[in-house]
Amino acid sequence: MDRKQGLIEEYRSLRDEILRRQNARVLVLGFTLTAIGAVIGLSLGGKVPATQLPTFVFALSLFGLVLLLAALLFTIQNTQQIDIIASYISTFIEPEIDGIQWECKWRAYREIRALTPKLGRMPLGTSKPLAVYYGVLTATMCAVPIVVGVRDHFIAYVFIFLLALPCLLCSANLYLRFTAGWKVNWAILDPAEPSDDASTELPTADRFNDTSHVT
């Protein structure tokens, strides 16, 4: 197998891995929506004695928030891996093979589109909509005890807040990508001698470090 054929096979394998992780995110979202729907249904329509209602509702709300946090951590991890794989493809594979340019062209399109923002325009990719969905679900779980009419339980609301806060932070991280896990420095694999012309080195460093264009 020659080098070009090897790169093509690697490209196919990595693209399959991206699709697998994208599908996993959607499956987790579907499962989470179903579970949260069941939690809300039981909270609002469950036949529970009035004396046990506060404990029942708060337990379901806490369960829902734990489920959301697990789903968010899973989604963030998969999205970061998708970004890293796509960055590797656009950095090391596509420049070497004529006719395979999806990741590079997609990145260029997103960068150009970002320069002309328009009100009401939907974001590209799926990570930002996923972040919004999870943020809304978190707020919904926090509101369930209030809607049911369970209000005079300060300690229970403290626990809900302590679980809701990391959920909201994870949703914000999925939307804004502000933690270190979103960046990869491919340049460390090929340390180059310092160049006399710094302007020729900067674009390469930017290309190696940027993974924000993918999902």
N, C-alpha and C. Protein backbone atom coordinates (compact mmCIF):
# COMPACT_ATOMS: atom_id res chain seq x y z
N MET A 1 0.85 -1.20 0.00
CA MET A 1 0.00 0.00 0.00
C MET A 1 0.89 1.25 0.00
N ASP A 2 0.66 2.15 -1.01
CA ASP A 2 1.47 3.35 -1.06
C ASP A 2 0.97 4.38 -0.05
N ARG A 3 1.72 5.47 0.09
CA ARG A 3 1.43 6.47 1.10
C ARG A 3 0.06 7.11 0.87
N LYS A 4 -0.27 7.42 -0.38
CA LYS A 4 -1.54 8.06 -0.68
C LYS A 4 -2.71 7.16 -0.30
N GLN A 5 -2.60 5.89 -0.64
CA GLN A 5 -3.67 4.96 -0.30
C GLN A 5 -3.81 4.82 1.22
N GLY A 6 -2.66 4.83 1.90
CA GLY A 6 -2.71 4.77 3.36
C GLY A 6 -3.41 5.97 3.96
N LEU A 7 -3.17 7.16 3.42
CA LEU A 7 -3.83 8.37 3.90
C LEU A 7 -5.33 8.31 3.65
N ILE A 8 -5.72 7.78 2.49
CA ILE A 8 -7.15 7.65 2.17
C ILE A 8 -7.84 6.72 3.15
N GLU A 9 -7.18 5.59 3.45
CA GLU A 9 -7.76 4.64 4.40
C GLU A 9 -7.86 5.27 5.79
N GLU A 10 -6.84 6.02 6.18
CA GLU A 10 -6.88 6.70 7.47
C GLU A 10 -8.00 7.73 7.49
N TYR A 11 -8.16 8.45 6.39
CA TYR A 11 -9.22 9.45 6.29
C TYR A 11 -10.59 8.80 6.48
N ARG A 12 -10.81 7.67 5.79
CA ARG A 12 -12.10 6.99 5.91
C ARG A 12 -12.35 6.51 7.34
N SER A 13 -11.32 5.97 7.95
CA SER A 13 -11.45 5.48 9.32
C SER A 13 -11.79 6.62 10.29
N LEU A 14 -11.13 7.75 10.12
CA LEU A 14 -11.38 8.88 11.01
C LEU A 14 -12.75 9.49 10.77
N ARG A 15 -13.16 9.56 9.51
CA ARG A 15 -14.50 10.08 9.22
C ARG A 15 -15.57 9.17 9.82
N ASP A 16 -15.36 7.85 9.75
CA ASP A 16 -16.30 6.91 10.38
C ASP A 16 -16.36 7.14 11.89
N GLU A 17 -15.21 7.41 12.50
CA GLU A 17 -15.18 7.67 13.93
C GLU A 17 -15.94 8.95 14.28
N ILE A 18 -15.81 9.98 13.44
CA ILE A 18 -16.57 11.21 13.66
C ILE A 18 -18.06 10.94 13.60
N LEU A 19 -18.50 10.19 12.57
CA LEU A 19 -19.93 9.89 12.43
C LEU A 19 -20.43 9.05 13.61
N ARG A 20 -19.61 8.13 14.09
CA ARG A 20 -20.01 7.31 15.23
C ARG A 20 -20.21 8.17 16.47
N ARG A 21 -19.32 9.10 16.71
CA ARG A 21 -19.44 9.96 17.88
C ARG A 21 -20.59 10.95 17.73
N GLN A 22 -20.85 11.42 16.52
CA GLN A 22 -21.99 12.30 16.30
C GLN A 22 -23.30 11.57 16.58
N ASN A 23 -23.40 10.35 16.10
CA ASN A 23 -24.60 9.55 16.35
C ASN A 23 -24.77 9.27 17.84
N ALA A 24 -23.66 9.04 18.53
CA ALA A 24 -23.73 8.77 19.97
C ALA A 24 -24.30 9.98 20.71
N ARG A 25 -23.91 11.18 20.31
CA ARG A 25 -24.45 12.38 20.96
C ARG A 25 -25.96 12.48 20.79
N VAL A 26 -26.44 12.17 19.58
CA VAL A 26 -27.87 12.26 19.31
C VAL A 26 -28.63 11.20 20.09
N LEU A 27 -28.08 9.98 20.16
CA LEU A 27 -28.74 8.92 20.92
C LEU A 27 -28.84 9.28 22.40
N VAL A 28 -27.77 9.85 22.95
CA VAL A 28 -27.78 10.25 24.36
C VAL A 28 -28.81 11.36 24.59
N LEU A 29 -28.90 12.29 23.66
CA LEU A 29 -29.90 13.35 23.78
C LEU A 29 -31.31 12.76 23.76
N GLY A 30 -31.56 11.82 22.84
CA GLY A 30 -32.88 11.20 22.78
C GLY A 30 -33.23 10.46 24.06
N PHE A 31 -32.28 9.71 24.59
CA PHE A 31 -32.51 9.00 25.85
C PHE A 31 -32.76 9.98 26.98
N THR A 32 -31.98 11.07 27.03
CA THR A 32 -32.13 12.06 28.09
C THR A 32 -33.49 12.75 28.02
N LEU A 33 -33.92 13.12 26.81
CA LEU A 33 -35.23 13.75 26.65
C LEU A 33 -36.35 12.82 27.13
N THR A 34 -36.23 11.55 26.79
CA THR A 34 -37.25 10.58 27.22
C THR A 34 -37.27 10.46 28.74
N ALA A 35 -36.09 10.35 29.34
CA ALA A 35 -36.02 10.21 30.79
C ALA A 35 -36.53 11.46 31.50
N ILE A 36 -36.14 12.63 31.01
CA ILE A 36 -36.60 13.87 31.64
C ILE A 36 -38.11 14.02 31.48
N GLY A 37 -38.63 13.63 30.32
CA GLY A 37 -40.08 13.66 30.13
C GLY A 37 -40.80 12.77 31.14
N ALA A 38 -40.23 11.59 31.39
CA ALA A 38 -40.83 10.69 32.37
C ALA A 38 -40.76 11.29 33.78
N VAL A 39 -39.64 11.91 34.10
CA VAL A 39 -39.49 12.54 35.42
C VAL A 39 -40.53 13.65 35.61
N ILE A 40 -40.68 14.48 34.59
CA ILE A 40 -41.66 15.57 34.68
C ILE A 40 -43.07 15.01 34.79
N GLY A 41 -43.37 13.98 34.00
CA GLY A 41 -44.70 13.37 34.06
C GLY A 41 -45.02 12.80 35.42
N LEU A 42 -44.05 12.09 36.00
CA LEU A 42 -44.27 11.54 37.34
C LEU A 42 -44.41 12.63 38.40
N SER A 43 -43.64 13.70 38.24
CA SER A 43 -43.70 14.79 39.22
C SER A 43 -45.04 15.50 39.19
N LEU A 44 -45.57 15.69 37.98
CA LEU A 44 -46.81 16.45 37.85
C LEU A 44 -48.05 15.58 38.02
N GLY A 45 -47.94 14.31 37.65
CA GLY A 45 -49.14 13.47 37.67
C GLY A 45 -49.06 12.24 38.54
N GLY A 46 -47.97 12.09 39.27
CA GLY A 46 -47.83 10.91 40.12
C GLY A 46 -48.81 10.93 41.28
N LYS A 47 -49.39 9.77 41.57
CA LYS A 47 -50.34 9.65 42.67
C LYS A 47 -49.57 9.36 43.95
N VAL A 48 -49.17 10.42 44.64
CA VAL A 48 -48.37 10.31 45.84
C VAL A 48 -49.09 11.04 46.97
N PRO A 49 -49.12 10.48 48.17
CA PRO A 49 -49.74 11.20 49.31
C PRO A 49 -49.11 12.56 49.51
N ALA A 50 -49.89 13.51 49.94
CA ALA A 50 -49.41 14.89 50.08
C ALA A 50 -48.22 14.99 51.01
N THR A 51 -48.18 14.14 52.03
CA THR A 51 -47.06 14.21 52.98
C THR A 51 -45.74 13.74 52.35
N GLN A 52 -45.83 12.90 51.33
CA GLN A 52 -44.63 12.38 50.68
C GLN A 52 -44.29 13.12 49.39
N LEU A 53 -45.17 14.02 48.97
CA LEU A 53 -44.97 14.70 47.69
C LEU A 53 -43.66 15.49 47.62
N PRO A 54 -43.29 16.29 48.64
CA PRO A 54 -42.03 17.03 48.53
C PRO A 54 -40.83 16.12 48.32
N THR A 55 -40.73 15.06 49.12
CA THR A 55 -39.59 14.14 48.98
C THR A 55 -39.59 13.50 47.60
N PHE A 56 -40.78 13.09 47.14
CA PHE A 56 -40.90 12.43 45.83
C PHE A 56 -40.46 13.37 44.71
N VAL A 57 -40.93 14.60 44.72
CA VAL A 57 -40.63 15.56 43.65
C VAL A 57 -39.16 15.94 43.66
N PHE A 58 -38.63 16.21 44.85
CA PHE A 58 -37.22 16.61 44.91
C PHE A 58 -36.30 15.45 44.52
N ALA A 59 -36.66 14.24 44.88
CA ALA A 59 -35.85 13.08 44.49
C ALA A 59 -35.83 12.94 42.97
N LEU A 60 -36.98 13.10 42.34
CA LEU A 60 -37.04 13.01 40.88
C LEU A 60 -36.26 14.14 40.23
N SER A 61 -36.35 15.34 40.78
CA SER A 61 -35.63 16.48 40.22
C SER A 61 -34.12 16.27 40.31
N LEU A 62 -33.66 15.78 41.45
CA LEU A 62 -32.23 15.51 41.62
C LEU A 62 -31.77 14.41 40.67
N PHE A 63 -32.59 13.39 40.51
CA PHE A 63 -32.25 12.32 39.56
C PHE A 63 -32.13 12.88 38.15
N GLY A 64 -33.08 13.74 37.76
CA GLY A 64 -33.04 14.34 36.44
C GLY A 64 -31.79 15.18 36.21
N LEU A 65 -31.37 15.93 37.23
CA LEU A 65 -30.18 16.77 37.11
C LEU A 65 -28.91 15.92 37.03
N VAL A 66 -28.86 14.83 37.81
CA VAL A 66 -27.71 13.92 37.71
C VAL A 66 -27.62 13.33 36.31
N LEU A 67 -28.77 12.95 35.77
CA LEU A 67 -28.81 12.40 34.41
C LEU A 67 -28.34 13.43 33.39
N LEU A 68 -28.78 14.67 33.55
CA LEU A 68 -28.37 15.74 32.63
C LEU A 68 -26.87 15.99 32.71
N LEU A 69 -26.33 15.99 33.91
CA LEU A 69 -24.89 16.23 34.06
C LEU A 69 -24.09 15.12 33.39
N ALA A 70 -24.51 13.86 33.56
CA ALA A 70 -23.82 12.75 32.92
C ALA A 70 -23.90 12.87 31.40
N ALA A 71 -25.08 13.23 30.88
CA ALA A 71 -25.24 13.39 29.43
C ALA A 71 -24.38 14.53 28.90
N LEU A 72 -24.30 15.61 29.65
CA LEU A 72 -23.48 16.75 29.22
C LEU A 72 -21.99 16.40 29.19
N LEU A 73 -21.51 15.71 30.21
CA LEU A 73 -20.11 15.32 30.24
C LEU A 73 -19.79 14.39 29.07
N PHE A 74 -20.69 13.45 28.80
CA PHE A 74 -20.51 12.55 27.66
C PHE A 74 -20.50 13.32 26.35
N THR A 75 -21.42 14.27 26.20
CA THR A 75 -21.52 15.05 24.97
C THR A 75 -20.29 15.93 24.76
N ILE A 76 -19.82 16.57 25.82
CA ILE A 76 -18.63 17.40 25.71
C ILE A 76 -17.41 16.57 25.31
N GLN A 77 -17.25 15.41 25.94
CA GLN A 77 -16.10 14.56 25.63
C GLN A 77 -16.13 14.11 24.17
N ASN A 78 -17.29 13.72 23.68
CA ASN A 78 -17.40 13.29 22.29
C ASN A 78 -17.21 14.45 21.32
N THR A 79 -17.73 15.61 21.67
CA THR A 79 -17.57 16.77 20.80
C THR A 79 -16.11 17.20 20.71
N GLN A 80 -15.41 17.16 21.83
CA GLN A 80 -13.99 17.50 21.81
C GLN A 80 -13.20 16.51 20.95
N GLN A 81 -13.53 15.23 21.05
CA GLN A 81 -12.85 14.23 20.24
C GLN A 81 -13.16 14.42 18.76
N ILE A 82 -14.39 14.79 18.44
CA ILE A 82 -14.74 15.08 17.05
C ILE A 82 -13.90 16.24 16.53
N ASP A 83 -13.78 17.29 17.32
CA ASP A 83 -12.99 18.45 16.92
C ASP A 83 -11.53 18.08 16.69
N ILE A 84 -10.98 17.26 17.59
CA ILE A 84 -9.57 16.87 17.47
C ILE A 84 -9.35 16.04 16.21
N ILE A 85 -10.24 15.09 15.96
CA ILE A 85 -10.11 14.25 14.77
C ILE A 85 -10.21 15.09 13.50
N ALA A 86 -11.19 15.99 13.46
CA ALA A 86 -11.37 16.83 12.28
C ALA A 86 -10.17 17.76 12.08
N SER A 87 -9.63 18.27 13.18
CA SER A 87 -8.44 19.11 13.09
C SER A 87 -7.25 18.32 12.53
N TYR A 88 -7.11 17.08 12.96
CA TYR A 88 -6.03 16.22 12.45
C TYR A 88 -6.21 15.99 10.94
N ILE A 89 -7.45 15.73 10.52
CA ILE A 89 -7.71 15.50 9.10
C ILE A 89 -7.33 16.72 8.27
N SER A 90 -7.78 17.90 8.71
CA SER A 90 -7.53 19.12 7.94
C SER A 90 -6.07 19.54 7.98
N THR A 91 -5.33 19.09 9.01
CA THR A 91 -3.93 19.49 9.16
C THR A 91 -2.97 18.53 8.45
N PHE A 92 -3.22 17.23 8.56
CA PHE A 92 -2.23 16.25 8.11
C PHE A 92 -2.66 15.41 6.91
N ILE A 93 -3.96 15.29 6.65
CA ILE A 93 -4.40 14.39 5.58
C ILE A 93 -4.86 15.15 4.34
N GLU A 94 -5.80 16.06 4.49
CA GLU A 94 -6.36 16.74 3.33
C GLU A 94 -5.32 17.53 2.51
N PRO A 95 -4.33 18.19 3.12
CA PRO A 95 -3.33 18.87 2.29
C PRO A 95 -2.49 17.92 1.43
N GLU A 96 -2.49 16.63 1.78
CA GLU A 96 -1.68 15.66 1.05
C GLU A 96 -2.43 14.93 -0.05
N ILE A 97 -3.75 15.10 -0.12
CA ILE A 97 -4.56 14.34 -1.08
C ILE A 97 -5.42 15.29 -1.89
N ASP A 98 -5.26 15.28 -3.19
CA ASP A 98 -6.09 16.11 -4.06
C ASP A 98 -7.52 15.57 -4.08
N GLY A 99 -8.48 16.48 -4.01
CA GLY A 99 -9.88 16.10 -4.11
C GLY A 99 -10.56 15.82 -2.79
N ILE A 100 -9.84 15.79 -1.67
CA ILE A 100 -10.44 15.62 -0.35
C ILE A 100 -10.19 16.90 0.44
N GLN A 101 -11.24 17.71 0.57
CA GLN A 101 -11.07 19.03 1.17
C GLN A 101 -12.21 19.41 2.11
N TRP A 102 -13.02 18.46 2.52
CA TRP A 102 -14.21 18.80 3.29
C TRP A 102 -13.89 19.60 4.55
N GLU A 103 -13.01 19.10 5.40
CA GLU A 103 -12.73 19.78 6.66
C GLU A 103 -12.13 21.16 6.44
N CYS A 104 -11.21 21.28 5.49
CA CYS A 104 -10.59 22.58 5.21
C CYS A 104 -11.61 23.58 4.66
N LYS A 105 -12.45 23.12 3.72
CA LYS A 105 -13.45 24.02 3.14
C LYS A 105 -14.52 24.40 4.16
N TRP A 106 -14.91 23.43 4.98
CA TRP A 106 -15.91 23.69 6.01
C TRP A 106 -15.40 24.72 7.01
N ARG A 107 -14.14 24.59 7.39
CA ARG A 107 -13.54 25.56 8.30
C ARG A 107 -13.51 26.95 7.67
N ALA A 108 -13.08 27.02 6.41
CA ALA A 108 -13.00 28.32 5.73
C ALA A 108 -14.38 28.96 5.63
N TYR A 109 -15.39 28.15 5.32
CA TYR A 109 -16.75 28.68 5.19
C TYR A 109 -17.24 29.24 6.52
N ARG A 110 -17.00 28.50 7.61
CA ARG A 110 -17.43 28.96 8.93
C ARG A 110 -16.74 30.26 9.32
N GLU A 111 -15.45 30.37 8.99
CA GLU A 111 -14.71 31.58 9.33
C GLU A 111 -15.25 32.78 8.56
N ILE A 112 -15.55 32.59 7.27
CA ILE A 112 -16.10 33.68 6.46
C ILE A 112 -17.51 34.05 6.95
N ARG A 113 -18.30 33.04 7.26
CA ARG A 113 -19.66 33.30 7.73
C ARG A 113 -19.67 34.03 9.06
N ALA A 114 -18.68 33.74 9.91
CA ALA A 114 -18.61 34.39 11.21
C ALA A 114 -18.30 35.88 11.09
N LEU A 115 -17.70 36.29 9.97
CA LEU A 115 -17.37 37.70 9.78
C LEU A 115 -18.59 38.54 9.44
N THR A 116 -19.68 37.89 9.03
CA THR A 116 -20.90 38.62 8.67
C THR A 116 -22.09 38.07 9.46
N PRO A 117 -22.09 38.25 10.78
CA PRO A 117 -23.20 37.72 11.60
C PRO A 117 -24.51 38.42 11.26
N LYS A 118 -25.60 37.65 11.30
CA LYS A 118 -26.92 38.19 11.03
C LYS A 118 -27.87 37.75 12.14
N LEU A 119 -28.74 38.67 12.52
CA LEU A 119 -29.70 38.40 13.58
C LEU A 119 -30.65 37.28 13.16
N GLY A 120 -30.81 36.30 14.02
CA GLY A 120 -31.73 35.21 13.73
C GLY A 120 -31.12 34.05 12.97
N ARG A 121 -29.86 34.17 12.57
CA ARG A 121 -29.22 33.09 11.83
C ARG A 121 -28.89 31.94 12.78
N MET A 122 -29.26 30.73 12.37
CA MET A 122 -28.98 29.56 13.19
C MET A 122 -27.50 29.23 13.15
N PRO A 123 -26.92 28.77 14.27
CA PRO A 123 -25.50 28.41 14.28
C PRO A 123 -25.25 27.16 13.45
N LEU A 124 -24.05 27.09 12.87
CA LEU A 124 -23.65 25.90 12.13
C LEU A 124 -23.27 24.79 13.11
N GLY A 125 -23.36 23.56 12.64
CA GLY A 125 -23.00 22.44 13.50
C GLY A 125 -24.12 22.09 14.46
N THR A 126 -23.81 21.18 15.38
CA THR A 126 -24.83 20.71 16.33
C THR A 126 -24.48 20.98 17.79
N SER A 127 -23.25 21.34 18.09
CA SER A 127 -22.87 21.47 19.49
C SER A 127 -23.59 22.63 20.17
N LYS A 128 -23.78 23.76 19.48
CA LYS A 128 -24.47 24.88 20.11
C LYS A 128 -25.95 24.59 20.33
N PRO A 129 -26.67 24.03 19.35
CA PRO A 129 -28.05 23.64 19.66
C PRO A 129 -28.15 22.63 20.81
N LEU A 130 -27.21 21.68 20.86
CA LEU A 130 -27.21 20.73 21.96
C LEU A 130 -27.02 21.45 23.30
N ALA A 131 -26.13 22.43 23.32
CA ALA A 131 -25.89 23.20 24.55
C ALA A 131 -27.17 23.91 24.98
N VAL A 132 -27.89 24.48 24.03
CA VAL A 132 -29.14 25.18 24.36
C VAL A 132 -30.18 24.20 24.90
N TYR A 133 -30.31 23.03 24.24
CA TYR A 133 -31.27 22.03 24.69
C TYR A 133 -30.99 21.62 26.14
N TYR A 134 -29.73 21.34 26.43
CA TYR A 134 -29.39 20.89 27.78
C TYR A 134 -29.58 22.02 28.80
N GLY A 135 -29.30 23.25 28.40
CA GLY A 135 -29.54 24.36 29.30
C GLY A 135 -31.01 24.53 29.63
N VAL A 136 -31.86 24.38 28.61
CA VAL A 136 -33.31 24.49 28.83
C VAL A 136 -33.81 23.34 29.71
N LEU A 137 -33.30 22.14 29.46
CA LEU A 137 -33.71 20.99 30.28
C LEU A 137 -33.30 21.18 31.74
N THR A 138 -32.11 21.75 31.95
CA THR A 138 -31.66 22.01 33.33
C THR A 138 -32.59 23.01 34.02
N ALA A 139 -32.92 24.09 33.33
CA ALA A 139 -33.84 25.08 33.91
C ALA A 139 -35.21 24.46 34.18
N THR A 140 -35.64 23.58 33.29
CA THR A 140 -36.94 22.91 33.48
C THR A 140 -36.94 22.06 34.74
N MET A 141 -35.87 21.29 34.94
CA MET A 141 -35.80 20.45 36.13
C MET A 141 -35.78 21.29 37.41
N CYS A 142 -35.15 22.44 37.36
CA CYS A 142 -35.14 23.32 38.53
C CYS A 142 -36.52 23.89 38.82
N ALA A 143 -37.32 24.06 37.76
CA ALA A 143 -38.64 24.67 37.93
C ALA A 143 -39.71 23.68 38.34
N VAL A 144 -39.46 22.38 38.18
CA VAL A 144 -40.50 21.39 38.46
C VAL A 144 -41.02 21.49 39.90
N PRO A 145 -40.17 21.54 40.93
CA PRO A 145 -40.71 21.63 42.30
C PRO A 145 -41.57 22.88 42.52
N ILE A 146 -41.19 23.99 41.89
CA ILE A 146 -41.96 25.22 42.04
C ILE A 146 -43.32 25.08 41.38
N VAL A 147 -43.34 24.48 40.19
CA VAL A 147 -44.60 24.30 39.48
C VAL A 147 -45.54 23.38 40.25
N VAL A 148 -44.97 22.33 40.84
CA VAL A 148 -45.78 21.38 41.61
C VAL A 148 -46.33 22.04 42.88
N GLY A 149 -45.64 23.06 43.37
CA GLY A 149 -46.09 23.75 44.56
C GLY A 149 -45.31 23.43 45.81
N VAL A 150 -44.14 22.81 45.62
CA VAL A 150 -43.27 22.48 46.76
C VAL A 150 -42.26 23.60 46.91
N ARG A 151 -42.41 24.42 47.92
CA ARG A 151 -41.58 25.62 48.02
C ARG A 151 -40.81 25.72 49.35
N ASP A 152 -41.35 25.23 50.42
CA ASP A 152 -40.77 25.48 51.75
C ASP A 152 -39.78 24.39 52.16
N HIS A 153 -38.80 24.16 51.32
CA HIS A 153 -37.78 23.15 51.62
C HIS A 153 -36.43 23.69 51.17
N PHE A 154 -35.86 24.53 51.99
CA PHE A 154 -34.64 25.26 51.62
C PHE A 154 -33.48 24.32 51.31
N ILE A 155 -33.26 23.31 52.15
CA ILE A 155 -32.12 22.41 51.98
C ILE A 155 -32.23 21.66 50.64
N ALA A 156 -33.44 21.24 50.30
CA ALA A 156 -33.64 20.53 49.03
C ALA A 156 -33.30 21.43 47.85
N TYR A 157 -33.68 22.70 47.93
CA TYR A 157 -33.36 23.63 46.84
C TYR A 157 -31.86 23.90 46.77
N VAL A 158 -31.18 23.84 47.90
CA VAL A 158 -29.72 23.99 47.89
C VAL A 158 -29.08 22.85 47.09
N PHE A 159 -29.55 21.62 47.32
CA PHE A 159 -29.02 20.48 46.58
C PHE A 159 -29.32 20.60 45.09
N ILE A 160 -30.52 21.07 44.76
CA ILE A 160 -30.87 21.26 43.36
C ILE A 160 -29.94 22.29 42.72
N PHE A 161 -29.68 23.39 43.44
CA PHE A 161 -28.79 24.42 42.91
C PHE A 161 -27.38 23.87 42.70
N LEU A 162 -26.91 23.07 43.66
CA LEU A 162 -25.55 22.53 43.56
C LEU A 162 -25.40 21.58 42.38
N LEU A 163 -26.48 20.93 41.97
CA LEU A 163 -26.42 20.07 40.79
C LEU A 163 -26.70 20.85 39.51
N ALA A 164 -27.58 21.85 39.60
CA ALA A 164 -27.91 22.62 38.41
C ALA A 164 -26.75 23.48 37.95
N LEU A 165 -25.95 23.99 38.89
CA LEU A 165 -24.85 24.88 38.53
C LEU A 165 -23.83 24.20 37.60
N PRO A 166 -23.32 23.00 37.92
CA PRO A 166 -22.40 22.36 36.98
C PRO A 166 -23.06 22.01 35.65
N CYS A 167 -24.36 21.72 35.66
CA CYS A 167 -25.06 21.47 34.40
C CYS A 167 -25.05 22.71 33.51
N LEU A 168 -25.35 23.86 34.12
CA LEU A 168 -25.36 25.11 33.36
C LEU A 168 -23.95 25.48 32.89
N LEU A 169 -22.95 25.24 33.73
CA LEU A 169 -21.57 25.52 33.33
C LEU A 169 -21.14 24.63 32.18
N CYS A 170 -21.53 23.36 32.22
CA CYS A 170 -21.20 22.45 31.12
C CYS A 170 -21.92 22.87 29.84
N SER A 171 -23.17 23.30 29.96
CA SER A 171 -23.89 23.79 28.78
C SER A 171 -23.19 25.00 28.18
N ALA A 172 -22.75 25.92 29.05
CA ALA A 172 -22.03 27.11 28.58
C ALA A 172 -20.71 26.71 27.93
N ASN A 173 -20.03 25.72 28.51
CA ASN A 173 -18.76 25.26 27.94
C ASN A 173 -18.98 24.62 26.57
N LEU A 174 -20.05 23.86 26.43
CA LEU A 174 -20.36 23.25 25.14
C LEU A 174 -20.69 24.30 24.09
N TYR A 175 -21.28 25.40 24.52
CA TYR A 175 -21.65 26.48 23.58
C TYR A 175 -20.46 27.39 23.27
N LEU A 176 -19.72 27.80 24.30
CA LEU A 176 -18.66 28.79 24.14
C LEU A 176 -17.27 28.19 24.02
N ARG A 177 -17.07 26.98 24.49
CA ARG A 177 -15.79 26.27 24.40
C ARG A 177 -14.67 27.05 25.08
N PHE A 178 -14.78 27.23 26.37
CA PHE A 178 -13.80 28.07 27.07
C PHE A 178 -12.80 27.29 27.91
N THR A 179 -12.89 25.96 27.92
CA THR A 179 -11.92 25.18 28.69
C THR A 179 -10.81 24.66 27.79
N ALA A 180 -9.73 24.17 28.42
CA ALA A 180 -8.54 23.78 27.66
C ALA A 180 -8.76 22.58 26.76
N GLY A 181 -9.75 21.75 27.05
CA GLY A 181 -9.96 20.54 26.27
C GLY A 181 -10.36 20.77 24.83
N TRP A 182 -10.72 22.02 24.48
CA TRP A 182 -11.12 22.30 23.11
C TRP A 182 -9.94 22.62 22.20
N LYS A 183 -8.75 22.74 22.74
CA LYS A 183 -7.58 23.12 21.95
C LYS A 183 -6.61 21.94 21.84
N VAL A 184 -5.98 21.82 20.68
CA VAL A 184 -4.94 20.82 20.49
C VAL A 184 -3.77 21.48 19.77
N ASN A 185 -2.58 21.21 20.23
CA ASN A 185 -1.37 21.83 19.66
C ASN A 185 -0.60 20.79 18.86
N TRP A 186 -0.94 20.65 17.59
CA TRP A 186 -0.24 19.69 16.73
C TRP A 186 1.21 20.10 16.49
N ALA A 187 1.53 21.35 16.71
CA ALA A 187 2.88 21.84 16.42
C ALA A 187 3.95 21.14 17.27
N ILE A 188 3.58 20.62 18.43
CA ILE A 188 4.57 19.98 19.27
C ILE A 188 5.07 18.67 18.67
N LEU A 189 4.35 18.13 17.68
CA LEU A 189 4.80 16.90 17.02
C LEU A 189 5.91 17.16 16.02
N ASP A 190 6.03 18.40 15.57
CA ASP A 190 7.02 18.74 14.56
C ASP A 190 7.65 20.08 14.91
N PRO A 191 8.46 20.13 15.99
CA PRO A 191 9.06 21.41 16.39
C PRO A 191 9.99 21.94 15.31
N ALA A 192 9.74 23.15 14.90
CA ALA A 192 10.54 23.76 13.83
C ALA A 192 11.52 24.76 14.41
N GLU A 193 12.58 24.98 13.68
CA GLU A 193 13.55 25.99 14.09
C GLU A 193 12.92 27.36 14.00
N PRO A 194 13.23 28.27 14.92
CA PRO A 194 12.67 29.63 14.85
C PRO A 194 12.97 30.28 13.51
N SER A 195 11.97 30.88 12.95
CA SER A 195 12.12 31.51 11.65
C SER A 195 12.49 32.98 11.80
N ASP A 196 13.29 33.48 10.84
CA ASP A 196 13.63 34.90 10.85
C ASP A 196 12.40 35.75 10.58
N ASP A 197 11.46 35.18 9.81
CA ASP A 197 10.24 35.92 9.48
C ASP A 197 9.10 35.37 10.32
N ALA A 198 8.76 36.04 11.42
CA ALA A 198 7.74 35.54 12.33
C ALA A 198 6.39 35.45 11.67
N SER A 199 6.14 36.29 10.66
CA SER A 199 4.83 36.30 10.04
C SER A 199 4.56 35.01 9.27
N THR A 200 5.60 34.29 8.86
CA THR A 200 5.38 33.05 8.14
C THR A 200 5.07 31.90 9.10
N GLU A 201 5.42 32.04 10.37
CA GLU A 201 5.18 30.97 11.33
C GLU A 201 3.81 31.08 11.98
N LEU A 202 3.29 32.30 12.12
CA LEU A 202 2.06 32.50 12.87
C LEU A 202 0.86 31.78 12.28
N PRO A 203 0.61 31.82 10.96
CA PRO A 203 -0.55 31.11 10.44
C PRO A 203 -0.50 29.61 10.72
N THR A 204 0.73 29.02 10.66
CA THR A 204 0.85 27.59 10.92
C THR A 204 0.46 27.28 12.35
N ALA A 205 0.93 28.06 13.29
CA ALA A 205 0.57 27.85 14.69
C ALA A 205 -0.93 27.99 14.90
N ASP A 206 -1.53 28.99 14.25
CA ASP A 206 -2.96 29.17 14.38
C ASP A 206 -3.71 27.97 13.81
N ARG A 207 -3.21 27.45 12.70
CA ARG A 207 -3.88 26.32 12.08
C ARG A 207 -3.81 25.09 12.97
N PHE A 208 -2.67 24.88 13.61
CA PHE A 208 -2.51 23.71 14.46
C PHE A 208 -3.36 23.82 15.72
N ASN A 209 -3.56 25.01 16.23
CA ASN A 209 -4.24 25.18 17.52
C ASN A 209 -5.73 25.29 17.41
N ASP A 210 -6.26 25.66 16.25
CA ASP A 210 -7.67 25.97 16.13
C ASP A 210 -8.48 24.71 15.85
N THR A 211 -9.40 24.36 16.75
CA THR A 211 -10.34 23.26 16.48
C THR A 211 -11.78 23.74 16.62
N SER A 212 -11.99 25.04 16.62
CA SER A 212 -13.33 25.57 16.90
C SER A 212 -14.24 25.56 15.68
N HIS A 213 -13.72 25.07 14.53
CA HIS A 213 -14.47 25.21 13.29
C HIS A 213 -15.29 24.00 12.95
N VAL A 214 -15.29 22.98 13.78
CA VAL A 214 -15.74 21.68 13.30
C VAL A 214 -17.21 21.44 13.55
N THR A 215 -17.62 21.44 14.82
CA THR A 215 -18.97 20.96 15.09
C THR A 215 -19.82 22.05 15.72
